[in-house]
Amino acid sequence: MSDRPRLGVSACLLGEPVRYNAGHKRDDWLVDVLGPLVEWVAVCPEVEAGFGTPRETMHLVRSGAEGVALLTTETARDVTTTMRRFADGRIEELALANLDGYVFKADSPSCGVEGVPLIVSEPLSGDLAAGDVSTGSGLFAAALMSRLPDLPIADERRLADPDARRHFVERVFAHHRARKMDPS
């Protein structure tokens, strides 16, 4: 067991060129400040699910009867089943990986923790009509948070706030200390 906390992280935040445009969103604080203190477990759900880079952008669509779907933006190809199948397997691996926290990419239809746009495809209630936009979590992030509800979670936008950053780091190190005391 490492003496450093293990954190799952959206690979693009570490500077890996895995985004839809084969770019990245390297976060200097994560890499240069937090990085030396932790062990990263980098994950890119889109690449690992087989979508590759570069790739068509994706968005979430909410349908009353079918829940939330992940569709490609230009061709409207439904890749929900592929992403959910990948997420189920990868999250089980992560559940066994002794993680002490996870940092997701904000606004991502797979990794966004909150505030990810959900396009409504048919009326859901008197408040939302077809074409309206609500918000939710990305498919991978929602599945991981459901499976590991006690894991400290943040995204890079939340970590830009010094108080939220300090609170997240404290929770990660407390989780790590507790895990080291109970190796089961």
N, C-alpha and C. Protein backbone atom coordinates (compact mmCIF):
# COMPACT_ATOMS: atom_id res chain seq x y z
N MET A 1 0.84 -1.18 0.00
CA MET A 1 0.00 0.00 0.00
C MET A 1 0.88 1.24 0.00
N SER A 2 0.54 2.19 -0.83
CA SER A 2 1.28 3.45 -0.93
C SER A 2 1.09 4.27 0.34
N ASP A 3 2.08 5.07 0.67
CA ASP A 3 1.94 6.00 1.79
C ASP A 3 1.19 7.26 1.39
N ARG A 4 0.88 7.38 0.11
CA ARG A 4 0.15 8.55 -0.39
C ARG A 4 -1.28 8.16 -0.72
N PRO A 5 -2.21 9.09 -0.56
CA PRO A 5 -3.59 8.81 -0.96
C PRO A 5 -3.67 8.53 -2.46
N ARG A 6 -4.62 7.68 -2.85
CA ARG A 6 -4.86 7.36 -4.27
C ARG A 6 -6.11 8.11 -4.71
N LEU A 7 -5.97 8.87 -5.78
CA LEU A 7 -7.10 9.62 -6.30
C LEU A 7 -7.37 9.24 -7.74
N GLY A 8 -8.62 8.92 -8.03
CA GLY A 8 -9.04 8.81 -9.41
C GLY A 8 -9.11 10.22 -9.97
N VAL A 9 -8.87 10.35 -11.27
CA VAL A 9 -8.87 11.68 -11.88
C VAL A 9 -9.21 11.56 -13.35
N SER A 10 -9.94 12.54 -13.86
CA SER A 10 -10.17 12.61 -15.30
C SER A 10 -8.82 12.86 -15.96
N ALA A 11 -8.42 11.96 -16.84
CA ALA A 11 -7.07 11.98 -17.43
C ALA A 11 -6.74 13.30 -18.11
N CYS A 12 -7.72 13.97 -18.69
CA CYS A 12 -7.45 15.24 -19.38
C CYS A 12 -6.93 16.30 -18.41
N LEU A 13 -7.30 16.21 -17.13
CA LEU A 13 -6.84 17.18 -16.14
C LEU A 13 -5.37 17.04 -15.81
N LEU A 14 -4.80 15.87 -16.11
CA LEU A 14 -3.37 15.65 -15.90
C LEU A 14 -2.56 16.02 -17.14
N GLY A 15 -3.24 16.46 -18.19
CA GLY A 15 -2.55 16.86 -19.41
C GLY A 15 -2.52 15.79 -20.48
N GLU A 16 -3.23 14.69 -20.26
CA GLU A 16 -3.27 13.64 -21.28
C GLU A 16 -4.17 14.09 -22.43
N PRO A 17 -3.75 13.90 -23.68
CA PRO A 17 -4.52 14.39 -24.84
C PRO A 17 -5.68 13.46 -25.21
N VAL A 18 -6.70 13.42 -24.35
CA VAL A 18 -7.79 12.46 -24.51
C VAL A 18 -9.14 13.12 -24.79
N ARG A 19 -9.18 14.44 -24.88
CA ARG A 19 -10.46 15.10 -25.11
C ARG A 19 -10.94 14.87 -26.54
N TYR A 20 -12.16 15.25 -26.80
CA TYR A 20 -12.79 15.02 -28.11
C TYR A 20 -11.93 15.56 -29.26
N ASN A 21 -11.20 16.64 -29.02
CA ASN A 21 -10.37 17.25 -30.06
C ASN A 21 -8.90 16.83 -29.95
N ALA A 22 -8.65 15.77 -29.20
CA ALA A 22 -7.31 15.25 -28.92
C ALA A 22 -6.48 16.23 -28.10
N GLY A 23 -7.16 17.15 -27.44
CA GLY A 23 -6.49 18.09 -26.55
C GLY A 23 -6.59 17.63 -25.11
N HIS A 24 -6.27 18.54 -24.21
CA HIS A 24 -6.33 18.25 -22.78
C HIS A 24 -6.81 19.49 -22.05
N LYS A 25 -7.01 19.36 -20.75
CA LYS A 25 -7.39 20.47 -19.88
C LYS A 25 -6.51 20.42 -18.63
N ARG A 26 -5.19 20.34 -18.85
CA ARG A 26 -4.25 20.23 -17.72
C ARG A 26 -4.55 21.28 -16.67
N ASP A 27 -4.66 20.83 -15.44
CA ASP A 27 -4.90 21.70 -14.31
C ASP A 27 -3.60 21.82 -13.52
N ASP A 28 -2.99 22.98 -13.55
CA ASP A 28 -1.67 23.17 -12.94
C ASP A 28 -1.67 22.86 -11.45
N TRP A 29 -2.72 23.27 -10.71
CA TRP A 29 -2.73 23.00 -9.28
C TRP A 29 -2.78 21.50 -9.02
N LEU A 30 -3.61 20.77 -9.75
CA LEU A 30 -3.68 19.32 -9.56
C LEU A 30 -2.34 18.66 -9.83
N VAL A 31 -1.73 19.01 -10.95
CA VAL A 31 -0.50 18.34 -11.36
C VAL A 31 0.69 18.78 -10.50
N ASP A 32 0.85 20.09 -10.33
CA ASP A 32 2.08 20.61 -9.71
C ASP A 32 2.03 20.70 -8.19
N VAL A 33 0.86 20.93 -7.62
CA VAL A 33 0.75 21.10 -6.17
C VAL A 33 0.26 19.82 -5.50
N LEU A 34 -0.90 19.33 -5.92
CA LEU A 34 -1.45 18.12 -5.29
C LEU A 34 -0.73 16.86 -5.79
N GLY A 35 -0.32 16.86 -7.05
CA GLY A 35 0.28 15.67 -7.67
C GLY A 35 1.40 15.02 -6.88
N PRO A 36 2.38 15.77 -6.36
CA PRO A 36 3.46 15.14 -5.60
C PRO A 36 3.01 14.49 -4.29
N LEU A 37 1.80 14.82 -3.83
CA LEU A 37 1.32 14.31 -2.55
C LEU A 37 0.42 13.08 -2.68
N VAL A 38 0.02 12.76 -3.92
CA VAL A 38 -0.94 11.68 -4.13
C VAL A 38 -0.46 10.74 -5.22
N GLU A 39 -1.14 9.63 -5.32
CA GLU A 39 -0.95 8.69 -6.43
C GLU A 39 -2.19 8.79 -7.30
N TRP A 40 -2.00 9.13 -8.57
CA TRP A 40 -3.13 9.30 -9.49
C TRP A 40 -3.53 7.98 -10.13
N VAL A 41 -4.82 7.81 -10.33
CA VAL A 41 -5.38 6.73 -11.13
C VAL A 41 -6.18 7.44 -12.23
N ALA A 42 -5.55 7.62 -13.39
CA ALA A 42 -6.16 8.39 -14.48
C ALA A 42 -7.17 7.55 -15.24
N VAL A 43 -8.32 8.18 -15.53
CA VAL A 43 -9.39 7.52 -16.26
C VAL A 43 -9.95 8.50 -17.29
N CYS A 44 -10.14 8.03 -18.50
CA CYS A 44 -10.91 8.77 -19.50
C CYS A 44 -12.00 7.82 -19.99
N PRO A 45 -13.22 7.98 -19.49
CA PRO A 45 -14.28 7.05 -19.89
C PRO A 45 -14.49 6.95 -21.39
N GLU A 46 -14.44 8.08 -22.10
CA GLU A 46 -14.70 8.04 -23.54
C GLU A 46 -13.64 7.23 -24.27
N VAL A 47 -12.38 7.47 -23.97
CA VAL A 47 -11.30 6.73 -24.63
C VAL A 47 -11.34 5.26 -24.22
N GLU A 48 -11.48 5.00 -22.92
CA GLU A 48 -11.48 3.62 -22.44
C GLU A 48 -12.70 2.84 -22.92
N ALA A 49 -13.81 3.54 -23.20
CA ALA A 49 -15.00 2.87 -23.72
C ALA A 49 -14.87 2.60 -25.22
N GLY A 50 -13.81 3.12 -25.85
CA GLY A 50 -13.56 2.83 -27.25
C GLY A 50 -13.94 3.93 -28.22
N PHE A 51 -14.26 5.13 -27.73
CA PHE A 51 -14.67 6.21 -28.63
C PHE A 51 -13.49 6.91 -29.30
N GLY A 52 -12.28 6.76 -28.73
CA GLY A 52 -11.07 7.29 -29.34
C GLY A 52 -10.96 8.80 -29.32
N THR A 53 -9.86 9.29 -29.90
CA THR A 53 -9.62 10.72 -30.07
C THR A 53 -8.97 10.93 -31.43
N PRO A 54 -9.28 11.98 -32.14
CA PRO A 54 -10.42 12.85 -31.84
C PRO A 54 -11.72 12.09 -32.05
N ARG A 55 -12.81 12.66 -31.51
CA ARG A 55 -14.13 12.02 -31.63
C ARG A 55 -15.19 13.10 -31.69
N GLU A 56 -16.34 12.71 -32.11
CA GLU A 56 -17.48 13.62 -32.15
C GLU A 56 -17.85 14.01 -30.71
N THR A 57 -18.22 15.25 -30.51
CA THR A 57 -18.66 15.67 -29.18
C THR A 57 -19.96 14.94 -28.83
N MET A 58 -20.28 14.94 -27.53
CA MET A 58 -21.46 14.24 -27.04
C MET A 58 -22.24 15.14 -26.10
N HIS A 59 -23.49 14.82 -25.90
CA HIS A 59 -24.31 15.54 -24.94
C HIS A 59 -25.34 14.57 -24.35
N LEU A 60 -25.91 15.01 -23.23
CA LEU A 60 -26.92 14.20 -22.55
C LEU A 60 -28.30 14.66 -22.95
N VAL A 61 -29.19 13.69 -23.13
CA VAL A 61 -30.58 13.96 -23.49
C VAL A 61 -31.46 13.21 -22.49
N ARG A 62 -32.44 13.91 -21.93
CA ARG A 62 -33.37 13.30 -20.99
C ARG A 62 -34.69 13.05 -21.68
N SER A 63 -35.14 11.80 -21.59
CA SER A 63 -36.43 11.41 -22.13
C SER A 63 -37.26 10.88 -20.98
N GLY A 64 -38.50 11.28 -20.91
CA GLY A 64 -39.36 10.87 -19.80
C GLY A 64 -39.37 9.38 -19.56
N ALA A 65 -39.52 8.59 -20.60
CA ALA A 65 -39.66 7.14 -20.44
C ALA A 65 -38.33 6.42 -20.33
N GLU A 66 -37.31 6.95 -20.95
CA GLU A 66 -36.05 6.22 -21.05
C GLU A 66 -34.92 6.76 -20.18
N GLY A 67 -35.15 7.80 -19.42
CA GLY A 67 -34.11 8.35 -18.58
C GLY A 67 -33.14 9.20 -19.36
N VAL A 68 -31.85 9.10 -19.03
CA VAL A 68 -30.82 9.93 -19.64
C VAL A 68 -30.04 9.10 -20.65
N ALA A 69 -29.84 9.69 -21.83
CA ALA A 69 -29.07 9.04 -22.89
C ALA A 69 -27.87 9.91 -23.25
N LEU A 70 -26.79 9.26 -23.69
CA LEU A 70 -25.60 9.94 -24.17
C LEU A 70 -25.59 9.81 -25.69
N LEU A 71 -25.69 10.97 -26.37
CA LEU A 71 -25.76 10.98 -27.82
C LEU A 71 -24.62 11.80 -28.40
N THR A 72 -24.13 11.38 -29.58
CA THR A 72 -23.16 12.21 -30.28
C THR A 72 -23.90 13.44 -30.79
N THR A 73 -23.20 14.56 -30.84
CA THR A 73 -23.84 15.83 -31.14
C THR A 73 -24.26 15.97 -32.60
N GLU A 74 -23.40 15.60 -33.53
CA GLU A 74 -23.71 15.79 -34.95
C GLU A 74 -24.60 14.70 -35.52
N THR A 75 -24.28 13.44 -35.24
CA THR A 75 -25.00 12.32 -35.87
C THR A 75 -26.09 11.74 -34.99
N ALA A 76 -26.20 12.19 -33.74
CA ALA A 76 -27.20 11.71 -32.78
C ALA A 76 -27.11 10.20 -32.56
N ARG A 77 -25.90 9.65 -32.66
CA ARG A 77 -25.70 8.23 -32.38
C ARG A 77 -25.80 8.00 -30.88
N ASP A 78 -26.60 7.04 -30.47
CA ASP A 78 -26.80 6.74 -29.06
C ASP A 78 -25.69 5.81 -28.59
N VAL A 79 -24.84 6.32 -27.69
CA VAL A 79 -23.71 5.54 -27.17
C VAL A 79 -23.90 5.23 -25.68
N THR A 80 -25.14 5.35 -25.22
CA THR A 80 -25.45 5.13 -23.81
C THR A 80 -25.08 3.73 -23.34
N THR A 81 -25.49 2.72 -24.09
CA THR A 81 -25.23 1.34 -23.67
C THR A 81 -23.74 1.07 -23.59
N THR A 82 -22.98 1.56 -24.55
CA THR A 82 -21.52 1.36 -24.53
C THR A 82 -20.92 2.02 -23.30
N MET A 83 -21.32 3.25 -23.00
CA MET A 83 -20.77 3.96 -21.84
C MET A 83 -21.20 3.29 -20.54
N ARG A 84 -22.44 2.89 -20.43
CA ARG A 84 -22.89 2.25 -19.19
C ARG A 84 -22.20 0.91 -18.96
N ARG A 85 -22.02 0.15 -20.03
CA ARG A 85 -21.32 -1.14 -19.91
C ARG A 85 -19.87 -0.91 -19.45
N PHE A 86 -19.20 0.06 -20.08
CA PHE A 86 -17.84 0.38 -19.67
C PHE A 86 -17.83 0.83 -18.20
N ALA A 87 -18.73 1.76 -17.86
CA ALA A 87 -18.75 2.32 -16.50
C ALA A 87 -18.94 1.23 -15.46
N ASP A 88 -19.85 0.31 -15.70
CA ASP A 88 -20.11 -0.76 -14.73
C ASP A 88 -18.82 -1.53 -14.42
N GLY A 89 -18.10 -1.93 -15.45
CA GLY A 89 -16.87 -2.70 -15.24
C GLY A 89 -15.75 -1.87 -14.63
N ARG A 90 -15.55 -0.66 -15.15
CA ARG A 90 -14.43 0.17 -14.67
C ARG A 90 -14.66 0.62 -13.24
N ILE A 91 -15.90 0.91 -12.89
CA ILE A 91 -16.18 1.36 -11.53
C ILE A 91 -15.97 0.22 -10.54
N GLU A 92 -16.26 -1.00 -10.92
CA GLU A 92 -15.95 -2.12 -10.03
C GLU A 92 -14.45 -2.25 -9.82
N GLU A 93 -13.66 -2.04 -10.88
CA GLU A 93 -12.19 -2.02 -10.73
C GLU A 93 -11.76 -0.91 -9.78
N LEU A 94 -12.35 0.27 -9.94
CA LEU A 94 -11.99 1.40 -9.08
C LEU A 94 -12.43 1.17 -7.64
N ALA A 95 -13.53 0.46 -7.44
CA ALA A 95 -13.99 0.15 -6.08
C ALA A 95 -12.97 -0.72 -5.35
N LEU A 96 -12.21 -1.50 -6.09
CA LEU A 96 -11.18 -2.36 -5.50
C LEU A 96 -9.79 -1.72 -5.48
N ALA A 97 -9.69 -0.49 -5.99
CA ALA A 97 -8.39 0.17 -6.16
C ALA A 97 -7.96 1.02 -4.98
N ASN A 98 -8.67 0.93 -3.86
CA ASN A 98 -8.31 1.69 -2.66
C ASN A 98 -8.21 3.19 -2.93
N LEU A 99 -9.20 3.74 -3.61
CA LEU A 99 -9.21 5.18 -3.86
C LEU A 99 -9.56 5.93 -2.58
N ASP A 100 -9.00 7.13 -2.47
CA ASP A 100 -9.29 8.01 -1.34
C ASP A 100 -10.04 9.26 -1.79
N GLY A 101 -10.27 9.39 -3.08
CA GLY A 101 -11.00 10.52 -3.61
C GLY A 101 -11.02 10.46 -5.13
N TYR A 102 -11.74 11.40 -5.73
CA TYR A 102 -11.82 11.43 -7.19
C TYR A 102 -12.01 12.88 -7.62
N VAL A 103 -11.28 13.28 -8.67
CA VAL A 103 -11.41 14.61 -9.26
C VAL A 103 -11.90 14.43 -10.70
N PHE A 104 -13.08 14.96 -10.96
CA PHE A 104 -13.71 14.84 -12.28
C PHE A 104 -13.55 16.12 -13.08
N LYS A 105 -13.76 16.01 -14.40
CA LYS A 105 -13.77 17.14 -15.31
C LYS A 105 -15.17 17.76 -15.28
N ALA A 106 -15.25 19.01 -14.91
CA ALA A 106 -16.53 19.72 -14.84
C ALA A 106 -17.18 19.79 -16.21
N ASP A 107 -18.50 19.73 -16.21
CA ASP A 107 -19.35 19.92 -17.40
C ASP A 107 -19.29 18.80 -18.42
N SER A 108 -18.53 17.77 -18.19
CA SER A 108 -18.42 16.67 -19.14
C SER A 108 -19.67 15.80 -19.08
N PRO A 109 -20.20 15.37 -20.26
CA PRO A 109 -21.37 14.49 -20.25
C PRO A 109 -21.08 13.11 -19.68
N SER A 110 -19.80 12.78 -19.50
CA SER A 110 -19.47 11.53 -18.81
C SER A 110 -18.97 11.80 -17.40
N CYS A 111 -18.19 12.85 -17.19
CA CYS A 111 -17.52 13.07 -15.91
C CYS A 111 -18.02 14.25 -15.09
N GLY A 112 -18.94 15.02 -15.58
CA GLY A 112 -19.42 16.16 -14.81
C GLY A 112 -20.13 15.73 -13.54
N VAL A 113 -19.77 16.34 -12.43
CA VAL A 113 -20.37 16.00 -11.14
C VAL A 113 -21.77 16.59 -11.01
N GLU A 114 -21.93 17.81 -11.48
CA GLU A 114 -23.21 18.51 -11.39
C GLU A 114 -23.25 19.58 -12.47
N GLY A 115 -24.45 20.04 -12.77
CA GLY A 115 -24.58 21.14 -13.70
C GLY A 115 -24.35 20.81 -15.16
N VAL A 116 -24.30 19.51 -15.50
CA VAL A 116 -24.12 19.11 -16.89
C VAL A 116 -25.45 19.31 -17.62
N PRO A 117 -25.45 20.04 -18.74
CA PRO A 117 -26.72 20.26 -19.45
C PRO A 117 -27.37 18.95 -19.89
N LEU A 118 -28.68 18.88 -19.66
CA LEU A 118 -29.51 17.75 -20.10
C LEU A 118 -30.60 18.32 -21.00
N ILE A 119 -30.55 17.98 -22.26
CA ILE A 119 -31.56 18.46 -23.20
C ILE A 119 -32.80 17.58 -23.03
N VAL A 120 -33.94 18.20 -22.87
CA VAL A 120 -35.19 17.46 -22.69
C VAL A 120 -35.74 17.13 -24.07
N SER A 121 -35.95 15.83 -24.34
CA SER A 121 -36.41 15.43 -25.67
C SER A 121 -37.93 15.34 -25.78
N GLU A 122 -38.61 15.26 -24.65
CA GLU A 122 -40.07 15.26 -24.65
C GLU A 122 -40.52 15.84 -23.33
N PRO A 123 -41.72 16.38 -23.26
CA PRO A 123 -42.18 17.01 -22.01
C PRO A 123 -42.12 16.02 -20.83
N LEU A 124 -41.58 16.50 -19.72
CA LEU A 124 -41.48 15.66 -18.52
C LEU A 124 -42.49 16.08 -17.46
N SER A 125 -42.85 17.34 -17.46
CA SER A 125 -43.79 17.85 -16.46
C SER A 125 -44.31 19.18 -16.98
N GLY A 126 -45.12 19.82 -16.19
CA GLY A 126 -45.60 21.14 -16.57
C GLY A 126 -44.48 22.16 -16.61
N ASP A 127 -43.34 21.85 -15.96
CA ASP A 127 -42.25 22.82 -15.88
C ASP A 127 -41.27 22.71 -17.04
N LEU A 128 -41.10 21.52 -17.62
CA LEU A 128 -40.11 21.32 -18.68
C LEU A 128 -40.78 20.84 -19.95
N ALA A 129 -40.49 21.52 -21.04
CA ALA A 129 -41.01 21.15 -22.35
C ALA A 129 -39.88 20.62 -23.22
N ALA A 130 -40.24 19.94 -24.29
CA ALA A 130 -39.23 19.45 -25.23
C ALA A 130 -38.37 20.62 -25.68
N GLY A 131 -37.06 20.39 -25.71
CA GLY A 131 -36.12 21.43 -26.12
C GLY A 131 -35.56 22.23 -24.95
N ASP A 132 -36.20 22.16 -23.79
CA ASP A 132 -35.67 22.84 -22.61
C ASP A 132 -34.40 22.14 -22.15
N VAL A 133 -33.65 22.84 -21.33
CA VAL A 133 -32.42 22.27 -20.79
C VAL A 133 -32.51 22.28 -19.27
N SER A 134 -32.27 21.12 -18.68
CA SER A 134 -32.12 21.04 -17.23
C SER A 134 -30.65 20.65 -16.99
N THR A 135 -30.30 20.27 -15.80
CA THR A 135 -28.91 19.87 -15.53
C THR A 135 -28.88 18.60 -14.69
N GLY A 136 -27.74 17.94 -14.72
CA GLY A 136 -27.54 16.72 -13.95
C GLY A 136 -26.07 16.37 -13.89
N SER A 137 -25.78 15.09 -13.72
CA SER A 137 -24.41 14.58 -13.64
C SER A 137 -24.10 13.77 -14.90
N GLY A 138 -22.82 13.72 -15.25
CA GLY A 138 -22.40 12.87 -16.35
C GLY A 138 -22.63 11.40 -15.99
N LEU A 139 -22.74 10.55 -17.01
CA LEU A 139 -23.09 9.14 -16.78
C LEU A 139 -22.05 8.42 -15.92
N PHE A 140 -20.77 8.57 -16.22
CA PHE A 140 -19.73 7.88 -15.46
C PHE A 140 -19.67 8.42 -14.03
N ALA A 141 -19.69 9.74 -13.89
CA ALA A 141 -19.62 10.34 -12.55
C ALA A 141 -20.81 9.90 -11.70
N ALA A 142 -22.01 9.91 -12.27
CA ALA A 142 -23.20 9.51 -11.51
C ALA A 142 -23.09 8.06 -11.06
N ALA A 143 -22.61 7.19 -11.94
CA ALA A 143 -22.47 5.77 -11.59
C ALA A 143 -21.42 5.58 -10.49
N LEU A 144 -20.30 6.29 -10.58
CA LEU A 144 -19.26 6.16 -9.56
C LEU A 144 -19.74 6.70 -8.22
N MET A 145 -20.41 7.84 -8.23
CA MET A 145 -20.90 8.42 -6.97
C MET A 145 -21.96 7.53 -6.34
N SER A 146 -22.75 6.84 -7.15
CA SER A 146 -23.74 5.91 -6.62
C SER A 146 -23.07 4.69 -6.00
N ARG A 147 -22.05 4.17 -6.66
CA ARG A 147 -21.36 2.96 -6.19
C ARG A 147 -20.47 3.24 -4.99
N LEU A 148 -19.85 4.44 -4.94
CA LEU A 148 -18.92 4.80 -3.86
C LEU A 148 -19.38 6.10 -3.20
N PRO A 149 -20.51 6.08 -2.51
CA PRO A 149 -21.11 7.32 -2.00
C PRO A 149 -20.29 8.04 -0.93
N ASP A 150 -19.38 7.36 -0.25
CA ASP A 150 -18.58 7.99 0.80
C ASP A 150 -17.24 8.52 0.30
N LEU A 151 -16.94 8.33 -0.97
CA LEU A 151 -15.67 8.78 -1.53
C LEU A 151 -15.68 10.29 -1.72
N PRO A 152 -14.66 11.00 -1.23
CA PRO A 152 -14.59 12.44 -1.49
C PRO A 152 -14.51 12.71 -3.00
N ILE A 153 -15.38 13.59 -3.47
CA ILE A 153 -15.51 13.88 -4.89
C ILE A 153 -15.41 15.39 -5.10
N ALA A 154 -14.76 15.80 -6.19
CA ALA A 154 -14.71 17.21 -6.57
C ALA A 154 -14.50 17.28 -8.08
N ASP A 155 -14.64 18.47 -8.61
CA ASP A 155 -14.23 18.72 -9.99
C ASP A 155 -13.26 19.90 -9.96
N GLU A 156 -12.60 20.15 -11.08
CA GLU A 156 -11.57 21.19 -11.08
C GLU A 156 -12.16 22.58 -10.86
N ARG A 157 -13.40 22.80 -11.23
CA ARG A 157 -14.01 24.11 -11.00
C ARG A 157 -14.22 24.33 -9.50
N ARG A 158 -14.72 23.31 -8.81
CA ARG A 158 -14.92 23.42 -7.37
C ARG A 158 -13.57 23.62 -6.66
N LEU A 159 -12.54 22.96 -7.15
CA LEU A 159 -11.22 23.07 -6.51
C LEU A 159 -10.54 24.40 -6.77
N ALA A 160 -11.09 25.24 -7.62
CA ALA A 160 -10.55 26.58 -7.83
C ALA A 160 -10.86 27.48 -6.63
N ASP A 161 -11.84 27.10 -5.82
CA ASP A 161 -12.18 27.84 -4.61
C ASP A 161 -11.28 27.36 -3.48
N PRO A 162 -10.49 28.23 -2.87
CA PRO A 162 -9.54 27.80 -1.83
C PRO A 162 -10.18 27.05 -0.66
N ASP A 163 -11.36 27.47 -0.21
CA ASP A 163 -12.01 26.78 0.91
C ASP A 163 -12.47 25.38 0.49
N ALA A 164 -13.07 25.27 -0.68
CA ALA A 164 -13.50 23.97 -1.17
C ALA A 164 -12.30 23.06 -1.40
N ARG A 165 -11.22 23.61 -1.91
CA ARG A 165 -9.99 22.84 -2.14
C ARG A 165 -9.46 22.28 -0.82
N ARG A 166 -9.36 23.15 0.19
CA ARG A 166 -8.85 22.72 1.50
C ARG A 166 -9.74 21.62 2.09
N HIS A 167 -11.05 21.81 2.00
CA HIS A 167 -11.99 20.83 2.53
C HIS A 167 -11.83 19.48 1.81
N PHE A 168 -11.72 19.51 0.49
CA PHE A 168 -11.55 18.28 -0.28
C PHE A 168 -10.25 17.57 0.12
N VAL A 169 -9.15 18.29 0.19
CA VAL A 169 -7.87 17.69 0.54
C VAL A 169 -7.92 17.10 1.95
N GLU A 170 -8.54 17.80 2.89
CA GLU A 170 -8.69 17.27 4.25
C GLU A 170 -9.48 15.97 4.24
N ARG A 171 -10.57 15.92 3.48
CA ARG A 171 -11.38 14.70 3.40
C ARG A 171 -10.60 13.55 2.77
N VAL A 172 -9.82 13.85 1.74
CA VAL A 172 -9.01 12.82 1.07
C VAL A 172 -8.01 12.22 2.06
N PHE A 173 -7.29 13.07 2.78
CA PHE A 173 -6.28 12.56 3.71
C PHE A 173 -6.93 11.85 4.90
N ALA A 174 -8.09 12.31 5.34
CA ALA A 174 -8.81 11.60 6.42
C ALA A 174 -9.25 10.22 5.92
N HIS A 175 -9.74 10.15 4.70
CA HIS A 175 -10.15 8.87 4.11
C HIS A 175 -8.95 7.93 4.02
N HIS A 176 -7.82 8.48 3.60
CA HIS A 176 -6.58 7.67 3.47
C HIS A 176 -6.15 7.13 4.84
N ARG A 177 -6.16 7.99 5.87
CA ARG A 177 -5.77 7.54 7.22
C ARG A 177 -6.70 6.44 7.71
N ALA A 178 -8.00 6.60 7.50
CA ALA A 178 -8.98 5.60 7.93
C ALA A 178 -8.77 4.29 7.18
N ARG A 179 -8.49 4.39 5.89
CA ARG A 179 -8.28 3.17 5.08
C ARG A 179 -7.02 2.45 5.54
N LYS A 180 -5.98 3.17 5.88
CA LYS A 180 -4.73 2.54 6.33
C LYS A 180 -4.91 1.83 7.68
N MET A 181 -5.81 2.36 8.51
CA MET A 181 -6.06 1.74 9.82
C MET A 181 -6.91 0.49 9.70
N ASP A 182 -7.72 0.41 8.62
CA ASP A 182 -8.60 -0.75 8.40
C ASP A 182 -8.32 -1.29 6.99
N PRO A 183 -7.32 -2.15 6.84
CA PRO A 183 -6.91 -2.61 5.51
C PRO A 183 -7.85 -3.61 4.86
N SER A 184 -9.00 -3.90 5.45
CA SER A 184 -9.91 -4.91 4.87
C SER A 184 -10.58 -4.46 3.61
